[in-house]
């Protein structure tokens, strides 16, 4: 099922108003609607990406949308725990202090994302793009970052305990003050990375 971009743009605006309206029951209704849209939301996002959508503090736990496109979205302190967002496009989105524990973001595009202090515990970011991402102070404990591209990313002070970064690209990344206890970096590329204090 495919809808035209205008229809989807109107639906996006409606959902944005509902999620951000304030009353918790309205936010919950909007989140439930997002769950039910599922593949329809993915269809819309491919034809008419909702650039800059305001979703700060949105309750979106367990959301399942393959290929969702929300470039430059404001998701500050949003709750996306256990969401399944494979191949999502969140380029330059703001995920500061967002909660994504247990989410699946395999092959997602998060280039240039702002996610300082975000919770990525046990998140699957296999083959994801995080080039130039700002991730200072984020928690990636037990996360899967195999084959992920973090070239030029700022990971200052991140918690990467027991994380897997097999064959990850960390070229020119800032890796100062990392906690890498029990993490796996087999065949990771770190050319020109700043590893001071790691």
C-alpha atoms as a PDB file:
ATOM      1  CA  UNK A   1       0.000   0.000   0.000  1.00  0.00           C
ATOM      2  CA  UNK A   2       1.386   3.391  -1.003  1.00  0.00           C
ATOM      3  CA  UNK A   3       0.002   6.848  -0.309  1.00  0.00           C
ATOM      4  CA  UNK A   4       1.010  10.073  -2.023  1.00  0.00           C
ATOM      5  CA  UNK A   5       3.594  12.364  -0.375  1.00  0.00           C
ATOM      6  CA  UNK A   6       1.039  15.113   0.364  1.00  0.00           C
ATOM      7  CA  UNK A   7      -1.188  12.729   2.328  1.00  0.00           C
ATOM      8  CA  UNK A   8       1.777  11.437   4.269  1.00  0.00           C
ATOM      9  CA  UNK A   9       3.024  14.949   4.983  1.00  0.00           C
ATOM     10  CA  UNK A  10      -0.347  15.834   6.482  1.00  0.00           C
ATOM     11  CA  UNK A  11      -0.317  12.633   8.553  1.00  0.00           C
ATOM     12  CA  UNK A  12       3.182  13.445   9.805  1.00  0.00           C
ATOM     13  CA  UNK A  13       2.115  16.926  10.876  1.00  0.00           C
ATOM     14  CA  UNK A  14      -0.875  15.486  12.748  1.00  0.00           C
ATOM     15  CA  UNK A  15       1.259  12.916  14.554  1.00  0.00           C
ATOM     16  CA  UNK A  16       3.799  15.591  15.433  1.00  0.00           C
ATOM     17  CA  UNK A  17       1.110  17.736  17.054  1.00  0.00           C
ATOM     18  CA  UNK A  18      -0.248  14.759  18.997  1.00  0.00           C
ATOM     19  CA  UNK A  19       3.107  13.543  20.299  1.00  0.00           C
ATOM     20  CA  UNK A  20       4.153  17.034  21.350  1.00  0.00           C
ATOM     21  CA  UNK A  21       0.773  18.294  22.570  1.00  0.00           C
ATOM     22  CA  UNK A  22       1.503  17.732  26.243  1.00  0.00           C
ATOM     23  CA  UNK A  23      -1.165  15.502  27.852  1.00  0.00           C
ATOM     24  CA  UNK A  24       0.229  12.034  28.439  1.00  0.00           C
ATOM     25  CA  UNK A  25      -2.911  10.292  27.166  1.00  0.00           C
ATOM     26  CA  UNK A  26      -2.622  12.131  23.848  1.00  0.00           C
ATOM     27  CA  UNK A  27       1.066  11.241  23.553  1.00  0.00           C
ATOM     28  CA  UNK A  28       0.218   7.598  24.279  1.00  0.00           C
ATOM     29  CA  UNK A  29      -2.470   7.636  21.572  1.00  0.00           C
ATOM     30  CA  UNK A  30      -0.028   9.052  19.044  1.00  0.00           C
ATOM     31  CA  UNK A  31       2.574   6.450  19.955  1.00  0.00           C
ATOM     32  CA  UNK A  32      -0.012   3.667  19.590  1.00  0.00           C
ATOM     33  CA  UNK A  33      -0.964   5.027  16.182  1.00  0.00           C
ATOM     34  CA  UNK A  34       2.683   5.001  15.127  1.00  0.00           C
ATOM     35  CA  UNK A  35       2.899   1.345  16.159  1.00  0.00           C
ATOM     36  CA  UNK A  36      -0.176   0.450  14.116  1.00  0.00           C
ATOM     37  CA  UNK A  37       1.007   2.332  11.044  1.00  0.00           C
ATOM     38  CA  UNK A  38       4.105   0.137  10.852  1.00  0.00           C
ATOM     39  CA  UNK A  39       4.861  -0.488   7.192  1.00  0.00           C
ATOM     40  CA  UNK A  40       2.686   2.429   6.113  1.00  0.00           C
ATOM     41  CA  UNK A  41       4.975   4.814   7.975  1.00  0.00           C
ATOM     42  CA  UNK A  42       7.968   3.300   6.235  1.00  0.00           C
ATOM     43  CA  UNK A  43       6.266   3.775   2.861  1.00  0.00           C
ATOM     44  CA  UNK A  44       5.537   7.423   3.676  1.00  0.00           C
ATOM     45  CA  UNK A  45       9.013   8.129   4.983  1.00  0.00           C
ATOM     46  CA  UNK A  46      10.632   6.945   1.788  1.00  0.00           C
ATOM     47  CA  UNK A  47       8.444   9.170  -0.409  1.00  0.00           C
ATOM     48  CA  UNK A  48       8.295  12.253   1.833  1.00  0.00           C
ATOM     49  CA  UNK A  49      10.877  12.286   4.655  1.00  0.00           C
ATOM     50  CA  UNK A  50       9.721  14.368   7.625  1.00  0.00           C
ATOM     51  CA  UNK A  51      12.760  16.631   7.947  1.00  0.00           C
ATOM     52  CA  UNK A  52      13.186  18.265  11.343  1.00  0.00           C
ATOM     53  CA  UNK A  53      10.182  16.552  12.949  1.00  0.00           C
ATOM     54  CA  UNK A  54       9.734  17.544  16.620  1.00  0.00           C
ATOM     55  CA  UNK A  55       9.627  14.383  18.772  1.00  0.00           C
ATOM     56  CA  UNK A  56      11.415  15.489  21.941  1.00  0.00           C
ATOM     57  CA  UNK A  57      10.561  13.247  24.935  1.00  0.00           C
ATOM     58  CA  UNK A  58       8.269  11.118  22.735  1.00  0.00           C
ATOM     59  CA  UNK A  59       7.311   7.690  24.117  1.00  0.00           C
ATOM     60  CA  UNK A  60       8.122   5.341  21.228  1.00  0.00           C
ATOM     61  CA  UNK A  61       9.287   2.169  22.976  1.00  0.00           C
ATOM     62  CA  UNK A  62       9.064  -0.926  20.806  1.00  0.00           C
ATOM     63  CA  UNK A  63       8.308   1.005  17.608  1.00  0.00           C
ATOM     64  CA  UNK A  64       8.796  -1.255  14.539  1.00  0.00           C
ATOM     65  CA  UNK A  65       9.338   0.577  11.250  1.00  0.00           C
ATOM     66  CA  UNK A  66      11.810  -0.685   8.649  1.00  0.00           C
ATOM     67  CA  UNK A  67      13.371   2.122   6.602  1.00  0.00           C
ATOM     68  CA  UNK A  68      11.912   5.019   8.601  1.00  0.00           C
ATOM     69  CA  UNK A  69      13.294   8.384   7.410  1.00  0.00           C
ATOM     70  CA  UNK A  70      13.429  11.212   9.959  1.00  0.00           C
ATOM     71  CA  UNK A  71      16.395  13.375   8.917  1.00  0.00           C
ATOM     72  CA  UNK A  72      17.268  16.161  11.382  1.00  0.00           C
ATOM     73  CA  UNK A  73      14.489  15.022  13.736  1.00  0.00           C
ATOM     74  CA  UNK A  74      14.469  16.395  17.274  1.00  0.00           C
ATOM     75  CA  UNK A  75      14.393  13.304  19.504  1.00  0.00           C
ATOM     76  CA  UNK A  76      15.941  14.805  22.627  1.00  0.00           C
ATOM     77  CA  UNK A  77      15.215  12.553  25.641  1.00  0.00           C
ATOM     78  CA  UNK A  78      12.894  10.422  23.493  1.00  0.00           C
ATOM     79  CA  UNK A  79      12.267   6.840  24.630  1.00  0.00           C
ATOM     80  CA  UNK A  80      12.963   4.318  21.864  1.00  0.00           C
ATOM     81  CA  UNK A  81      13.902   1.308  23.945  1.00  0.00           C
ATOM     82  CA  UNK A  82      13.613  -2.021  22.073  1.00  0.00           C
ATOM     83  CA  UNK A  83      12.534  -0.242  18.881  1.00  0.00           C
ATOM     84  CA  UNK A  84      13.274  -2.040  15.604  1.00  0.00           C
ATOM     85  CA  UNK A  85      14.402   0.574  13.086  1.00  0.00           C
ATOM     86  CA  UNK A  86      16.561  -1.298  10.594  1.00  0.00           C
ATOM     87  CA  UNK A  87      17.806   0.861   7.719  1.00  0.00           C
ATOM     88  CA  UNK A  88      16.373   3.993   9.345  1.00  0.00           C
ATOM     89  CA  UNK A  89      17.659   7.391   8.204  1.00  0.00           C
ATOM     90  CA  UNK A  90      18.282   9.707  11.162  1.00  0.00           C
ATOM     91  CA  UNK A  91      20.920  11.868   9.520  1.00  0.00           C
ATOM     92  CA  UNK A  92      21.854  14.868  11.718  1.00  0.00           C
ATOM     93  CA  UNK A  93      19.042  14.034  14.141  1.00  0.00           C
ATOM     94  CA  UNK A  94      19.228  15.251  17.744  1.00  0.00           C
ATOM     95  CA  UNK A  95      19.214  12.255  20.105  1.00  0.00           C
ATOM     96  CA  UNK A  96      20.774  13.939  23.118  1.00  0.00           C
ATOM     97  CA  UNK A  97      19.987  11.985  26.301  1.00  0.00           C
ATOM     98  CA  UNK A  98      17.630   9.713  24.343  1.00  0.00           C
ATOM     99  CA  UNK A  99      16.903   6.202  25.640  1.00  0.00           C
ATOM    100  CA  UNK A 100      17.471   3.485  23.028  1.00  0.00           C
ATOM    101  CA  UNK A 101      18.468   0.489  25.165  1.00  0.00           C
ATOM    102  CA  UNK A 102      17.904  -2.779  23.310  1.00  0.00           C
ATOM    103  CA  UNK A 103      16.950  -1.105  20.019  1.00  0.00           C
ATOM    104  CA  UNK A 104      17.838  -2.591  16.624  1.00  0.00           C
ATOM    105  CA  UNK A 105      19.360  -0.039  14.228  1.00  0.00           C
ATOM    106  CA  UNK A 106      21.214  -2.328  11.871  1.00  0.00           C
ATOM    107  CA  UNK A 107      22.318  -0.595   8.637  1.00  0.00           C
ATOM    108  CA  UNK A 108      20.805   2.667   9.904  1.00  0.00           C
ATOM    109  CA  UNK A 109      22.192   6.007   8.718  1.00  0.00           C
ATOM    110  CA  UNK A 110      23.018   8.219  11.705  1.00  0.00           C
ATOM    111  CA  UNK A 111      25.685  10.334  10.048  1.00  0.00           C
ATOM    112  CA  UNK A 112      26.214  13.612  11.901  1.00  0.00           C
ATOM    113  CA  UNK A 113      23.785  12.686  14.677  1.00  0.00           C
ATOM    114  CA  UNK A 114      23.947  14.559  17.994  1.00  0.00           C
ATOM    115  CA  UNK A 115      23.579  11.924  20.705  1.00  0.00           C
ATOM    116  CA  UNK A 116      25.603  13.202  23.649  1.00  0.00           C
ATOM    117  CA  UNK A 117      24.659  11.351  26.843  1.00  0.00           C
ATOM    118  CA  UNK A 118      22.315   8.954  25.031  1.00  0.00           C
ATOM    119  CA  UNK A 119      21.644   5.411  26.257  1.00  0.00           C
ATOM    120  CA  UNK A 120      22.637   2.867  23.598  1.00  0.00           C
ATOM    121  CA  UNK A 121      22.997  -0.105  25.967  1.00  0.00           C
ATOM    122  CA  UNK A 122      22.732  -3.440  24.146  1.00  0.00           C
ATOM    123  CA  UNK A 123      21.739  -1.662  20.918  1.00  0.00           C
ATOM    124  CA  UNK A 124      22.476  -3.405  17.610  1.00  0.00           C
ATOM    125  CA  UNK A 125      24.190  -0.931  15.279  1.00  0.00           C
ATOM    126  CA  UNK A 126      25.736  -3.529  13.002  1.00  0.00           C
ATOM    127  CA  UNK A 127      26.813  -1.954   9.691  1.00  0.00           C
ATOM    128  CA  UNK A 128      25.343   1.399  10.775  1.00  0.00           C
ATOM    129  CA  UNK A 129      26.737   4.753   9.627  1.00  0.00           C
ATOM    130  CA  UNK A 130      27.732   7.171  12.411  1.00  0.00           C
ATOM    131  CA  UNK A 131      30.295   9.263  10.565  1.00  0.00           C
ATOM    132  CA  UNK A 132      30.988  12.552  12.301  1.00  0.00           C
ATOM    133  CA  UNK A 133      28.471  11.710  15.037  1.00  0.00           C
ATOM    134  CA  UNK A 134      28.675  13.545  18.357  1.00  0.00           C
ATOM    135  CA  UNK A 135      28.415  10.825  20.982  1.00  0.00           C
ATOM    136  CA  UNK A 136      30.351  12.189  23.972  1.00  0.00           C
ATOM    137  CA  UNK A 137      29.302  10.573  27.231  1.00  0.00           C
ATOM    138  CA  UNK A 138      26.937   8.087  25.589  1.00  0.00           C
ATOM    139  CA  UNK A 139      26.586   4.557  26.947  1.00  0.00           C
ATOM    140  CA  UNK A 140      27.253   1.710  24.494  1.00  0.00           C
ATOM    141  CA  UNK A 141      27.726  -1.030  27.081  1.00  0.00           C
ATOM    142  CA  UNK A 142      27.132  -4.454  25.491  1.00  0.00           C
ATOM    143  CA  UNK A 143      26.229  -2.803  22.178  1.00  0.00           C
ATOM    144  CA  UNK A 144      26.905  -4.428  18.802  1.00  0.00           C
ATOM    145  CA  UNK A 145      28.873  -2.079  16.537  1.00  0.00           C
ATOM    146  CA  UNK A 146      30.398  -4.678  14.230  1.00  0.00           C
ATOM    147  CA  UNK A 147      31.162  -3.209  10.771  1.00  0.00           C
ATOM    148  CA  UNK A 148      29.800   0.177  11.870  1.00  0.00           C
ATOM    149  CA  UNK A 149      31.425   3.304  10.411  1.00  0.00           C
ATOM    150  CA  UNK A 150      32.265   5.819  13.154  1.00  0.00           C
ATOM    151  CA  UNK A 151      34.881   7.713  11.157  1.00  0.00           C
ATOM    152  CA  UNK A 152      35.393  11.183  12.601  1.00  0.00           C
ATOM    153  CA  UNK A 153      32.895  10.576  15.420  1.00  0.00           C
ATOM    154  CA  UNK A 154      33.400  12.079  18.892  1.00  0.00           C
ATOM    155  CA  UNK A 155      33.196   9.252  21.440  1.00  0.00           C
ATOM    156  CA  UNK A 156      34.827  11.154  24.298  1.00  0.00           C
ATOM    157  CA  UNK A 157      34.091   9.476  27.624  1.00  0.00           C
ATOM    158  CA  UNK A 158      31.777   6.828  26.191  1.00  0.00           C
ATOM    159  CA  UNK A 159      31.053   3.597  28.058  1.00  0.00           C
ATOM    160  CA  UNK A 160      31.898   0.729  25.696  1.00  0.00           C
ATOM    161  CA  UNK A 161      32.226  -2.040  28.261  1.00  0.00           C
ATOM    162  CA  UNK A 162      31.617  -5.476  26.722  1.00  0.00           C
ATOM    163  CA  UNK A 163      30.737  -3.823  23.388  1.00  0.00           C
ATOM    164  CA  UNK A 164      31.607  -5.515  20.099  1.00  0.00           C
ATOM    165  CA  UNK A 165      33.359  -3.386  17.463  1.00  0.00           C
ATOM    166  CA  UNK A 166      34.642  -6.103  15.138  1.00  0.00           C
ATOM    167  CA  UNK A 167      35.826  -4.562  11.845  1.00  0.00           C
ATOM    168  CA  UNK A 168      34.356  -1.189  12.852  1.00  0.00           C
ATOM    169  CA  UNK A 169      35.814   1.954  11.257  1.00  0.00           C
ATOM    170  CA  UNK A 170      37.065   4.508  13.801  1.00  0.00           C
ATOM    171  CA  UNK A 171      39.407   6.462  11.547  1.00  0.00           C
ATOM    172  CA  UNK A 172      40.053  10.000  12.869  1.00  0.00           C
ATOM    173  CA  UNK A 173      37.520   9.452  15.655  1.00  0.00           C
ATOM    174  CA  UNK A 174      37.978  11.055  19.069  1.00  0.00           C
ATOM    175  CA  UNK A 175      38.288   8.153  21.519  1.00  0.00           C
ATOM    176  CA  UNK A 176      39.584   9.992  24.577  1.00  0.00           C
ATOM    177  CA  UNK A 177      38.602   8.624  27.979  1.00  0.00           C
ATOM    178  CA  UNK A 178      36.743   5.564  26.691  1.00  0.00           C
ATOM    179  CA  UNK A 179      35.876   2.666  28.975  1.00  0.00           C
ATOM    180  CA  UNK A 180      36.758  -0.344  26.816  1.00  0.00           C
ATOM    181  CA  UNK A 181      36.843  -3.037  29.478  1.00  0.00           C
ATOM    182  CA  UNK A 182      36.005  -6.457  28.007  1.00  0.00           C
ATOM    183  CA  UNK A 183      35.157  -4.916  24.634  1.00  0.00           C
ATOM    184  CA  UNK A 184      36.105  -6.549  21.323  1.00  0.00           C
ATOM    185  CA  UNK A 185      37.995  -4.515  18.719  1.00  0.00           C
ATOM    186  CA  UNK A 186      39.150  -7.326  16.436  1.00  0.00           C
ATOM    187  CA  UNK A 187      40.160  -5.872  13.043  1.00  0.00           C
ATOM    188  CA  UNK A 188      38.807  -2.430  13.940  1.00  0.00           C
ATOM    189  CA  UNK A 189      40.302   0.424  11.911  1.00  0.00           C
ATOM    190  CA  UNK A 190      41.610   3.305  14.033  1.00  0.00           C
ATOM    191  CA  UNK A 191      43.831   5.242  11.587  1.00  0.00           C
ATOM    192  CA  UNK A 192      44.454   8.743  12.921  1.00  0.00           C
ATOM    193  CA  UNK A 193      42.125   8.252  15.906  1.00  0.00           C
ATOM    194  CA  UNK A 194      42.708  10.137  19.166  1.00  0.00           C
ATOM    195  CA  UNK A 195      43.071   7.395  21.787  1.00  0.00           C
ATOM    196  CA  UNK A 196      44.317   9.499  24.707  1.00  0.00           C
ATOM    197  CA  UNK A 197      43.113   8.070  28.002  1.00  0.00           C
ATOM    198  CA  UNK A 198      41.286   5.183  26.365  1.00  0.00           C
END
